[in-house]
Amino acid sequence: MLALLDQAVASGGNFAMGVLLARWLGLEAFGQYSLLWMGVLFLLSLHQAYITQPLLTLVPGKQGAERAGYFTSLTALQFTLSASISILALLAFLGLKAFGFHAGWLPWLPMTGLLAATYLLHDFFRKFCFAKGQPSLALLLDGTVFGLMLAGLATLYWLKVLELTTALWAMVAAYFSGNLLGHWATGHRFRLDFRQFQQTAREHYHTSVWLLGTSLVQWFSGNYFLVAAAGSLGAVAVGALRMAQNMVGLCHVLFLAMENIVPVEAARQFLSDGEGGMFRYLRRAGIWVGIPVVGLLLSLTAASPWLIGWLYGADYQPFAYLVAAYSAVYLLGYLATLLRFALRAMQFTLPIFVGYSASATASLAVAYPLVRLWGITGTMAGLFGAQLLILGVYAFFILKKHRTVPDPRLSPSHPLPK
């Protein structure tokens, strides 16, 4: 229950942040913020693959002194990575500037590095709390961070000094304060045992090597069209796209709730009743969760002109049609999620990597031509096509392997295909 409450706080906080930044900064500045945040999310995808996903996998196998040493060395590794991100961003800025490089995003590089460093540290402490079985601490950290962040933005707006730079400093200050609390609350102090540090770094690398590749192609498959839109159409277009995505992103609460329940039960059904039982369960679960998902998407689409005007302001209302377009993309994503649960239950994960790789390759190949030819419409068509390609790859592999996946009820010792 506390885990779900924490997710509600995190999702609600992110949604409120998106609304306030979009409304108070204006369309162009919000687009610039969205581009900076895409860089943070890129680093987050790598961070989750190397740090937090292996953390949740490795902790159950460690006990006693080994477990305590692992937590301490992993905390040191996380601090090292966060500091490195901030330092490298500053060095890259100074080096590029010294060589006469004058891109519009260059002055924002040090701030983006600092924001990423503090945000990734916060994400680490959240997952650290869940790994230790302390969801109440995760809830405290998220409540503190988003409370400080929203209060800081509101204060800056009231003082009439809110702009992109001050908004980013308010976010960094909130994450920094939350990280101080997280470091104190988790009860670990920074102690460096170099041998244990090396062992933990190697262990995480061996666990995450394929996850890192998957994270890279997954990020490109979902975000490269936004990069192309920024390069061809400018920050205003990115701000409009992010606004629509933020609205439809309310579905993430349902998706995350499904992630906590459906994969485990799908795997149990596969082990007890075979492939047929698993797909019958996924069909039922897909309908029961799909009804509120479709209902929410239709409601957001129908009410988007009014909702956008109320939440974001009149400047965003001409882009209300993007909510319908993103709703179609999210519906394909929902169907792909159900097939991904099936693949994971069968321990047949190769198609997941192939699907993201195919989508990323196609995005890299056609993003700029599509955006230059058709603008925002081309961007949405590309995002829709990328999701459709992933869905098609999953369906193809499932149909192809339908008669070759062994029934675990008949041959429980038979290894499942990888």
Protein backbone atom coordinates (compact mmCIF):
# COMPACT_ATOMS: atom_id res chain seq x y z
CA MET A 1 0.00 0.00 0.00
CA LEU A 2 2.82 2.43 0.89
CA ALA A 3 4.57 1.58 -2.39
CA LEU A 4 1.43 2.51 -4.35
CA LEU A 5 1.03 5.70 -2.30
CA ASP A 6 4.65 6.63 -3.02
CA GLN A 7 4.10 6.07 -6.75
CA ALA A 8 1.01 8.27 -6.59
CA VAL A 9 3.07 11.03 -4.90
CA ALA A 10 5.86 10.71 -7.49
CA SER A 11 3.49 10.63 -10.48
CA GLY A 12 1.32 13.42 -9.10
CA GLY A 13 4.36 15.54 -8.27
CA ASN A 14 5.82 15.14 -11.74
CA PHE A 15 2.46 15.99 -13.33
CA ALA A 16 2.07 19.11 -11.17
CA MET A 17 5.64 20.15 -11.96
CA GLY A 18 4.97 19.82 -15.68
CA VAL A 19 1.78 21.87 -15.48
CA LEU A 20 3.31 24.69 -13.40
CA LEU A 21 6.48 24.94 -15.46
CA ALA A 22 4.50 24.96 -18.71
CA ARG A 23 2.09 27.63 -17.46
CA TRP A 24 4.55 29.88 -15.64
CA LEU A 25 7.56 29.66 -17.98
CA GLY A 26 5.67 29.94 -21.26
CA LEU A 27 5.69 27.74 -24.33
CA GLU A 28 9.22 28.40 -25.59
CA ALA A 29 10.98 28.24 -22.21
CA PHE A 30 9.05 25.09 -21.33
CA GLY A 31 10.26 23.59 -24.61
CA GLN A 32 13.85 24.42 -23.65
CA TYR A 33 13.30 22.82 -20.24
CA SER A 34 11.87 19.72 -21.94
CA LEU A 35 14.99 19.38 -24.07
CA LEU A 36 17.24 19.63 -21.00
CA TRP A 37 15.09 17.10 -19.18
CA MET A 38 15.41 14.67 -22.10
CA GLY A 39 19.16 14.63 -21.43
CA VAL A 40 18.47 13.86 -17.77
CA LEU A 41 16.10 11.03 -18.76
CA PHE A 42 18.75 9.60 -21.08
CA LEU A 43 21.18 9.37 -18.16
CA LEU A 44 18.38 7.99 -15.98
CA SER A 45 17.82 5.09 -18.39
CA LEU A 46 21.51 4.15 -18.16
CA HIS A 47 21.52 4.68 -14.39
CA GLN A 48 18.55 2.36 -13.90
CA ALA A 49 20.19 -0.31 -16.06
CA TYR A 50 23.53 -0.17 -14.22
CA ILE A 51 22.54 0.73 -10.64
CA THR A 52 18.92 0.37 -9.58
CA GLN A 53 17.69 -2.63 -11.57
CA PRO A 54 20.68 -4.81 -10.53
CA LEU A 55 20.23 -3.51 -6.96
CA LEU A 56 16.72 -4.93 -6.74
CA THR A 57 17.91 -8.20 -8.33
CA LEU A 58 21.07 -8.75 -6.26
CA VAL A 59 19.88 -7.76 -2.78
CA PRO A 60 17.76 -10.90 -2.11
CA GLY A 61 20.85 -13.10 -2.47
CA LYS A 62 22.92 -11.22 0.10
CA GLN A 63 22.74 -11.66 3.87
CA GLY A 64 24.46 -10.38 7.00
CA ALA A 65 27.87 -8.75 6.63
CA GLU A 66 27.91 -9.29 2.87
CA ARG A 67 24.63 -7.39 2.53
CA ALA A 68 25.86 -4.49 4.69
CA GLY A 69 29.13 -4.27 2.75
CA TYR A 70 27.24 -4.33 -0.54
CA PHE A 71 24.97 -1.45 0.51
CA THR A 72 27.93 0.63 1.65
CA SER A 73 30.02 0.06 -1.48
CA LEU A 74 27.03 0.65 -3.76
CA THR A 75 26.36 3.98 -2.01
CA ALA A 76 29.99 4.95 -2.65
CA LEU A 77 29.64 3.89 -6.29
CA GLN A 78 26.50 6.00 -6.67
CA PHE A 79 28.16 9.08 -5.16
CA THR A 80 31.12 8.57 -7.49
CA LEU A 81 28.89 8.36 -10.56
CA SER A 82 26.82 11.41 -9.58
CA ALA A 83 29.94 13.49 -8.94
CA SER A 84 31.46 12.29 -12.23
CA ILE A 85 28.38 13.35 -14.22
CA SER A 86 28.50 16.87 -12.82
CA ILE A 87 32.26 17.23 -13.29
CA LEU A 88 32.25 15.80 -16.83
CA ALA A 89 29.42 18.13 -17.86
CA LEU A 90 31.42 21.13 -16.61
CA LEU A 91 34.62 19.94 -18.32
CA ALA A 92 32.74 19.33 -21.57
CA PHE A 93 31.30 22.85 -21.42
CA LEU A 94 34.72 24.42 -20.82
CA GLY A 95 36.40 22.29 -23.49
CA LEU A 96 33.81 22.93 -26.20
CA LYS A 97 33.76 26.64 -25.39
CA ALA A 98 37.57 26.80 -25.59
CA PHE A 99 37.46 25.27 -29.08
CA GLY A 100 34.94 27.86 -30.27
CA PHE A 101 31.82 25.67 -30.20
CA HIS A 102 28.74 27.89 -29.85
CA ALA A 103 25.60 25.71 -29.94
CA GLY A 104 22.50 27.15 -28.29
CA TRP A 105 22.37 24.33 -25.70
CA LEU A 106 26.00 24.67 -24.62
CA PRO A 107 25.47 27.21 -21.78
CA TRP A 108 22.94 24.84 -20.22
CA LEU A 109 25.34 21.88 -20.10
CA PRO A 110 26.77 22.45 -16.58
CA MET A 111 23.31 22.99 -15.09
CA THR A 112 21.98 19.88 -16.84
CA GLY A 113 24.87 17.87 -15.41
CA LEU A 114 24.18 19.16 -11.90
CA LEU A 115 20.45 18.49 -12.22
CA ALA A 116 21.12 14.96 -13.51
CA ALA A 117 23.60 14.25 -10.71
CA THR A 118 21.18 15.24 -7.94
CA TYR A 119 18.16 13.61 -9.60
CA LEU A 120 19.93 10.26 -10.12
CA LEU A 121 21.09 10.28 -6.51
CA HIS A 122 17.47 10.81 -5.44
CA ASP A 123 16.36 7.92 -7.65
CA PHE A 124 19.03 5.74 -6.04
CA PHE A 125 17.88 6.53 -2.51
CA ARG A 126 14.25 5.75 -3.48
CA LYS A 127 15.18 2.32 -4.83
CA PHE A 128 17.56 1.78 -1.92
CA CYS A 129 14.62 2.17 0.47
CA PHE A 130 12.53 -0.37 -1.46
CA ALA A 131 15.46 -2.81 -1.56
CA LYS A 132 15.71 -2.60 2.24
CA GLY A 133 11.95 -3.07 2.63
CA GLN A 134 11.35 0.49 3.84
CA PRO A 135 8.74 2.02 1.50
CA SER A 136 7.79 4.56 4.19
CA LEU A 137 11.24 6.14 3.80
CA ALA A 138 10.79 6.32 0.03
CA LEU A 139 7.46 8.06 0.60
CA LEU A 140 9.15 10.52 2.98
CA LEU A 141 11.87 11.30 0.43
CA ASP A 142 9.45 11.83 -2.45
CA GLY A 143 7.10 13.92 -0.31
CA THR A 144 10.00 16.09 0.84
CA VAL A 145 11.47 16.60 -2.63
CA PHE A 146 8.22 17.44 -4.41
CA GLY A 147 6.98 19.56 -1.50
CA LEU A 148 10.17 21.65 -1.56
CA MET A 149 10.18 21.84 -5.34
CA LEU A 150 6.58 23.02 -5.70
CA ALA A 151 6.98 25.47 -2.82
CA GLY A 152 10.18 26.83 -4.35
CA LEU A 153 8.62 27.35 -7.78
CA ALA A 154 5.56 29.02 -6.25
CA THR A 155 7.80 31.35 -4.21
CA LEU A 156 9.86 32.30 -7.25
CA TYR A 157 6.68 32.96 -9.24
CA TRP A 158 5.22 35.09 -6.44
CA LEU A 159 8.47 37.09 -6.26
CA LYS A 160 8.30 37.53 -10.07
CA VAL A 161 11.79 36.08 -10.56
CA LEU A 162 10.78 32.72 -12.04
CA GLU A 163 12.60 31.91 -15.26
CA LEU A 164 14.24 28.78 -16.61
CA THR A 165 17.52 29.31 -14.74
CA THR A 166 15.90 29.97 -11.35
CA ALA A 167 13.47 27.06 -11.87
CA LEU A 168 16.37 24.68 -12.48
CA TRP A 169 18.17 25.94 -9.37
CA ALA A 170 15.00 25.35 -7.34
CA MET A 171 14.85 21.77 -8.62
CA VAL A 172 18.52 21.15 -7.84
CA ALA A 173 18.06 22.58 -4.32
CA ALA A 174 15.03 20.31 -3.71
CA TYR A 175 16.85 17.19 -4.88
CA PHE A 176 19.96 18.14 -2.88
CA SER A 177 17.90 18.58 0.30
CA GLY A 178 16.12 15.28 -0.32
CA ASN A 179 19.47 13.55 -0.82
CA LEU A 180 20.79 14.85 2.49
CA LEU A 181 17.69 13.43 4.15
CA GLY A 182 18.06 10.16 2.23
CA HIS A 183 21.70 9.74 3.21
CA TRP A 184 20.81 10.29 6.88
CA ALA A 185 17.63 8.18 6.84
CA THR A 186 19.15 5.12 5.19
CA GLY A 187 21.76 4.92 7.96
CA HIS A 188 24.81 4.43 5.74
CA ARG A 189 27.88 6.58 5.80
CA PHE A 190 30.38 7.11 3.01
CA ARG A 191 33.16 4.59 3.71
CA LEU A 192 35.31 3.39 0.85
CA ASP A 193 36.64 -0.18 0.89
CA PHE A 194 38.35 -0.18 -2.49
CA ARG A 195 38.26 -3.97 -2.91
CA GLN A 196 34.54 -4.14 -2.09
CA PHE A 197 33.97 -1.11 -4.32
CA GLN A 198 35.62 -2.88 -7.28
CA GLN A 199 33.69 -6.07 -6.62
CA THR A 200 30.35 -4.25 -6.55
CA ALA A 201 31.18 -2.31 -9.72
CA ARG A 202 32.08 -5.54 -11.55
CA GLU A 203 29.02 -7.36 -10.24
CA HIS A 204 26.72 -4.61 -11.45
CA TYR A 205 28.45 -4.50 -14.83
CA HIS A 206 28.00 -8.23 -15.41
CA THR A 207 24.36 -8.02 -14.35
CA SER A 208 23.59 -4.95 -16.45
CA VAL A 209 25.62 -5.34 -19.64
CA TRP A 210 22.57 -6.31 -21.75
CA LEU A 211 20.28 -4.01 -19.80
CA LEU A 212 22.49 -1.08 -20.80
CA GLY A 213 22.12 -1.95 -24.48
CA THR A 214 18.38 -2.35 -24.11
CA SER A 215 18.11 0.99 -22.29
CA LEU A 216 19.97 2.77 -25.07
CA VAL A 217 17.80 1.44 -27.87
CA GLN A 218 14.65 1.93 -25.78
CA TRP A 219 15.48 5.60 -25.22
CA PHE A 220 16.18 6.23 -28.90
CA SER A 221 13.02 4.41 -29.98
CA GLY A 222 10.88 6.66 -27.80
CA ASN A 223 12.70 10.01 -27.82
CA TYR A 224 14.61 10.51 -31.05
CA PHE A 225 11.58 11.98 -32.82
CA LEU A 226 11.47 14.67 -30.12
CA VAL A 227 15.16 15.37 -30.75
CA ALA A 228 14.38 15.70 -34.46
CA ALA A 229 11.45 18.01 -33.67
CA ALA A 230 13.74 20.20 -31.57
CA GLY A 231 16.34 20.41 -34.34
CA SER A 232 13.86 21.10 -37.14
CA LEU A 233 10.92 22.89 -35.48
CA GLY A 234 12.40 24.56 -32.40
CA ALA A 235 11.66 24.67 -28.69
CA VAL A 236 8.01 25.73 -29.10
CA ALA A 237 7.14 22.46 -30.85
CA VAL A 238 8.89 20.43 -28.15
CA GLY A 239 7.01 22.35 -25.46
CA ALA A 240 3.68 21.55 -27.15
CA LEU A 241 4.58 17.87 -27.52
CA ARG A 242 5.68 17.61 -23.90
CA MET A 243 2.49 19.30 -22.74
CA ALA A 244 0.35 16.69 -24.51
CA GLN A 245 2.58 13.86 -23.30
CA ASN A 246 2.32 15.12 -19.73
CA MET A 247 -1.48 15.00 -19.90
CA VAL A 248 -1.69 11.51 -21.38
CA GLY A 249 1.04 10.42 -18.95
CA LEU A 250 -1.66 10.15 -16.27
CA CYS A 251 -2.06 6.63 -17.66
CA HIS A 252 1.32 5.78 -16.15
CA VAL A 253 -0.36 5.30 -12.78
CA LEU A 254 -2.45 2.47 -14.26
CA PHE A 255 0.54 1.08 -16.15
CA LEU A 256 2.69 1.00 -13.01
CA ALA A 257 -0.07 -0.59 -10.96
CA MET A 258 -0.35 -3.27 -13.66
CA GLU A 259 3.44 -3.76 -13.60
CA ASN A 260 3.29 -4.62 -9.89
CA ILE A 261 0.67 -7.37 -10.33
CA VAL A 262 0.25 -8.74 -13.86
CA PRO A 263 3.79 -10.03 -14.68
CA VAL A 264 3.99 -12.10 -11.49
CA GLU A 265 0.58 -13.66 -12.03
CA ALA A 266 1.28 -14.25 -15.73
CA ALA A 267 4.44 -16.17 -14.82
CA ARG A 268 2.50 -18.21 -12.25
CA GLN A 269 -0.20 -19.02 -14.80
CA PHE A 270 2.42 -20.11 -17.32
CA LEU A 271 4.05 -22.46 -14.81
CA SER A 272 0.75 -23.95 -13.64
CA ASP A 273 -1.42 -23.94 -16.80
CA GLY A 274 1.03 -23.51 -19.65
CA GLU A 275 0.97 -21.04 -22.50
CA GLY A 276 -2.80 -21.24 -22.93
CA GLY A 277 -3.52 -20.42 -19.30
CA MET A 278 -1.09 -17.51 -19.38
CA PHE A 279 -2.70 -15.94 -22.45
CA ARG A 280 -6.19 -16.44 -21.04
CA TYR A 281 -5.11 -14.58 -17.90
CA LEU A 282 -3.45 -11.79 -19.90
CA ARG A 283 -6.58 -11.44 -22.03
CA ARG A 284 -8.75 -11.03 -18.91
CA ALA A 285 -6.28 -8.67 -17.23
CA GLY A 286 -5.89 -6.72 -20.46
CA ILE A 287 -9.64 -6.13 -20.67
CA TRP A 288 -10.05 -5.18 -17.01
CA VAL A 289 -7.15 -2.72 -17.06
CA GLY A 290 -7.83 -1.68 -20.64
CA ILE A 291 -11.32 -0.40 -19.84
CA PRO A 292 -10.09 2.37 -17.49
CA VAL A 293 -7.08 3.06 -19.76
CA VAL A 294 -9.28 3.56 -22.83
CA GLY A 295 -11.83 5.47 -20.78
CA LEU A 296 -9.17 7.83 -19.46
CA LEU A 297 -7.67 8.37 -22.91
CA LEU A 298 -11.06 9.10 -24.46
CA SER A 299 -11.96 11.48 -21.63
CA LEU A 300 -8.68 13.36 -21.96
CA THR A 301 -9.11 13.60 -25.73
CA ALA A 302 -12.70 14.87 -25.50
CA ALA A 303 -11.93 17.40 -22.78
CA SER A 304 -8.47 18.41 -24.01
CA PRO A 305 -9.36 21.94 -25.27
CA TRP A 306 -10.93 22.85 -21.94
CA LEU A 307 -8.35 21.03 -19.80
CA ILE A 308 -5.41 22.57 -21.66
CA GLY A 309 -6.85 26.06 -21.32
CA TRP A 310 -7.52 25.53 -17.60
CA LEU A 311 -4.20 23.87 -16.73
CA TYR A 312 -1.71 25.34 -19.17
CA GLY A 313 -3.25 28.52 -20.53
CA ALA A 314 -4.59 29.77 -23.84
CA ASP A 315 -1.21 29.61 -25.61
CA TYR A 316 -1.33 25.80 -25.54
CA GLN A 317 -4.93 25.35 -26.74
CA PRO A 318 -4.08 25.26 -30.48
CA PHE A 319 -2.16 22.04 -29.76
CA ALA A 320 -5.11 20.17 -28.20
CA TYR A 321 -5.14 17.72 -31.14
CA LEU A 322 -1.82 16.32 -29.89
CA VAL A 323 -3.61 14.75 -26.92
CA ALA A 324 -5.62 12.55 -29.31
CA ALA A 325 -2.43 11.64 -31.19
CA TYR A 326 -0.56 10.73 -28.01
CA SER A 327 -3.58 8.72 -26.84
CA ALA A 328 -3.25 6.52 -29.94
CA VAL A 329 0.47 6.07 -29.27
CA TYR A 330 -0.19 5.12 -25.63
CA LEU A 331 -2.86 2.63 -26.65
CA LEU A 332 -0.32 0.81 -28.84
CA GLY A 333 2.13 0.99 -25.95
CA TYR A 334 -0.44 -0.64 -23.68
CA LEU A 335 -0.91 -3.56 -26.08
CA ALA A 336 2.86 -3.94 -26.43
CA THR A 337 3.18 -4.00 -22.63
CA LEU A 338 0.80 -6.97 -22.40
CA LEU A 339 2.84 -8.89 -25.00
CA ARG A 340 6.03 -7.97 -23.15
CA PHE A 341 4.58 -9.49 -19.98
CA ALA A 342 3.94 -12.71 -21.93
CA LEU A 343 7.52 -12.80 -23.22
CA ARG A 344 8.91 -12.23 -19.74
CA ALA A 345 6.69 -14.96 -18.27
CA MET A 346 8.05 -17.41 -20.87
CA GLN A 347 11.62 -16.20 -20.13
CA PHE A 348 11.84 -15.41 -23.84
CA THR A 349 13.32 -11.92 -23.72
CA LEU A 350 15.22 -11.73 -27.02
CA PRO A 351 12.19 -10.19 -28.86
CA ILE A 352 12.13 -7.31 -26.35
CA PHE A 353 15.65 -6.30 -27.33
CA VAL A 354 14.95 -6.91 -31.04
CA GLY A 355 11.77 -4.83 -30.89
CA TYR A 356 13.44 -1.83 -29.29
CA SER A 357 16.45 -2.16 -31.62
CA ALA A 358 14.24 -2.23 -34.72
CA SER A 359 12.27 0.76 -33.47
CA ALA A 360 15.41 2.73 -32.63
CA THR A 361 16.98 1.95 -36.01
CA ALA A 362 13.86 3.03 -37.87
CA SER A 363 13.63 6.20 -35.77
CA LEU A 364 17.23 7.15 -36.53
CA ALA A 365 16.63 6.54 -40.24
CA VAL A 366 13.38 8.43 -40.79
CA ALA A 367 12.95 10.92 -37.94
CA TYR A 368 14.49 13.99 -39.57
CA PRO A 369 12.91 13.43 -43.03
CA LEU A 370 9.47 12.91 -41.49
CA VAL A 371 9.71 15.96 -39.25
CA ARG A 372 11.03 18.19 -42.03
CA LEU A 373 8.30 17.11 -44.42
CA TRP A 374 5.29 17.16 -42.08
CA GLY A 375 6.35 19.00 -38.93
CA ILE A 376 4.57 18.03 -35.71
CA THR A 377 2.27 15.70 -37.67
CA GLY A 378 5.35 13.83 -38.89
CA THR A 379 6.66 13.62 -35.34
CA MET A 380 3.46 12.00 -34.09
CA ALA A 381 3.31 9.68 -37.11
CA GLY A 382 6.85 8.58 -36.32
CA LEU A 383 6.08 7.92 -32.66
CA PHE A 384 3.00 5.92 -33.67
CA GLY A 385 5.02 3.93 -36.20
CA ALA A 386 7.77 3.21 -33.67
CA GLN A 387 5.24 1.72 -31.22
CA LEU A 388 3.54 -0.20 -34.02
CA LEU A 389 6.87 -1.71 -35.05
CA ILE A 390 7.59 -2.87 -31.49
CA LEU A 391 4.12 -4.41 -31.24
CA GLY A 392 4.60 -6.17 -34.58
CA VAL A 393 7.98 -7.63 -33.56
CA TYR A 394 6.54 -9.01 -30.31
CA ALA A 395 3.54 -10.53 -32.09
CA PHE A 396 5.76 -12.08 -34.78
CA PHE A 397 8.06 -13.81 -32.29
CA ILE A 398 5.18 -15.01 -30.14
CA LEU A 399 3.40 -16.53 -33.12
CA LYS A 400 6.63 -18.03 -34.42
CA LYS A 401 7.44 -19.68 -31.11
CA HIS A 402 3.86 -20.65 -30.30
CA ARG A 403 4.36 -24.35 -31.04
CA THR A 404 7.97 -24.59 -29.85
CA VAL A 405 7.74 -23.19 -26.32
CA PRO A 406 7.68 -26.24 -24.01
CA ASP A 407 4.77 -26.70 -21.63
CA PRO A 408 6.29 -26.50 -18.11
CA ARG A 409 3.59 -28.84 -16.78
CA LEU A 410 4.85 -31.64 -19.02
CA SER A 411 8.62 -31.06 -18.84
CA PRO A 412 9.48 -28.83 -15.90
CA SER A 413 13.20 -29.53 -16.29
CA HIS A 414 13.26 -28.51 -19.95
CA PRO A 415 15.10 -25.18 -20.33
CA LEU A 416 13.00 -22.39 -21.75
CA PRO A 417 14.35 -20.53 -24.79
CA LYS A 418 16.32 -17.42 -24.03
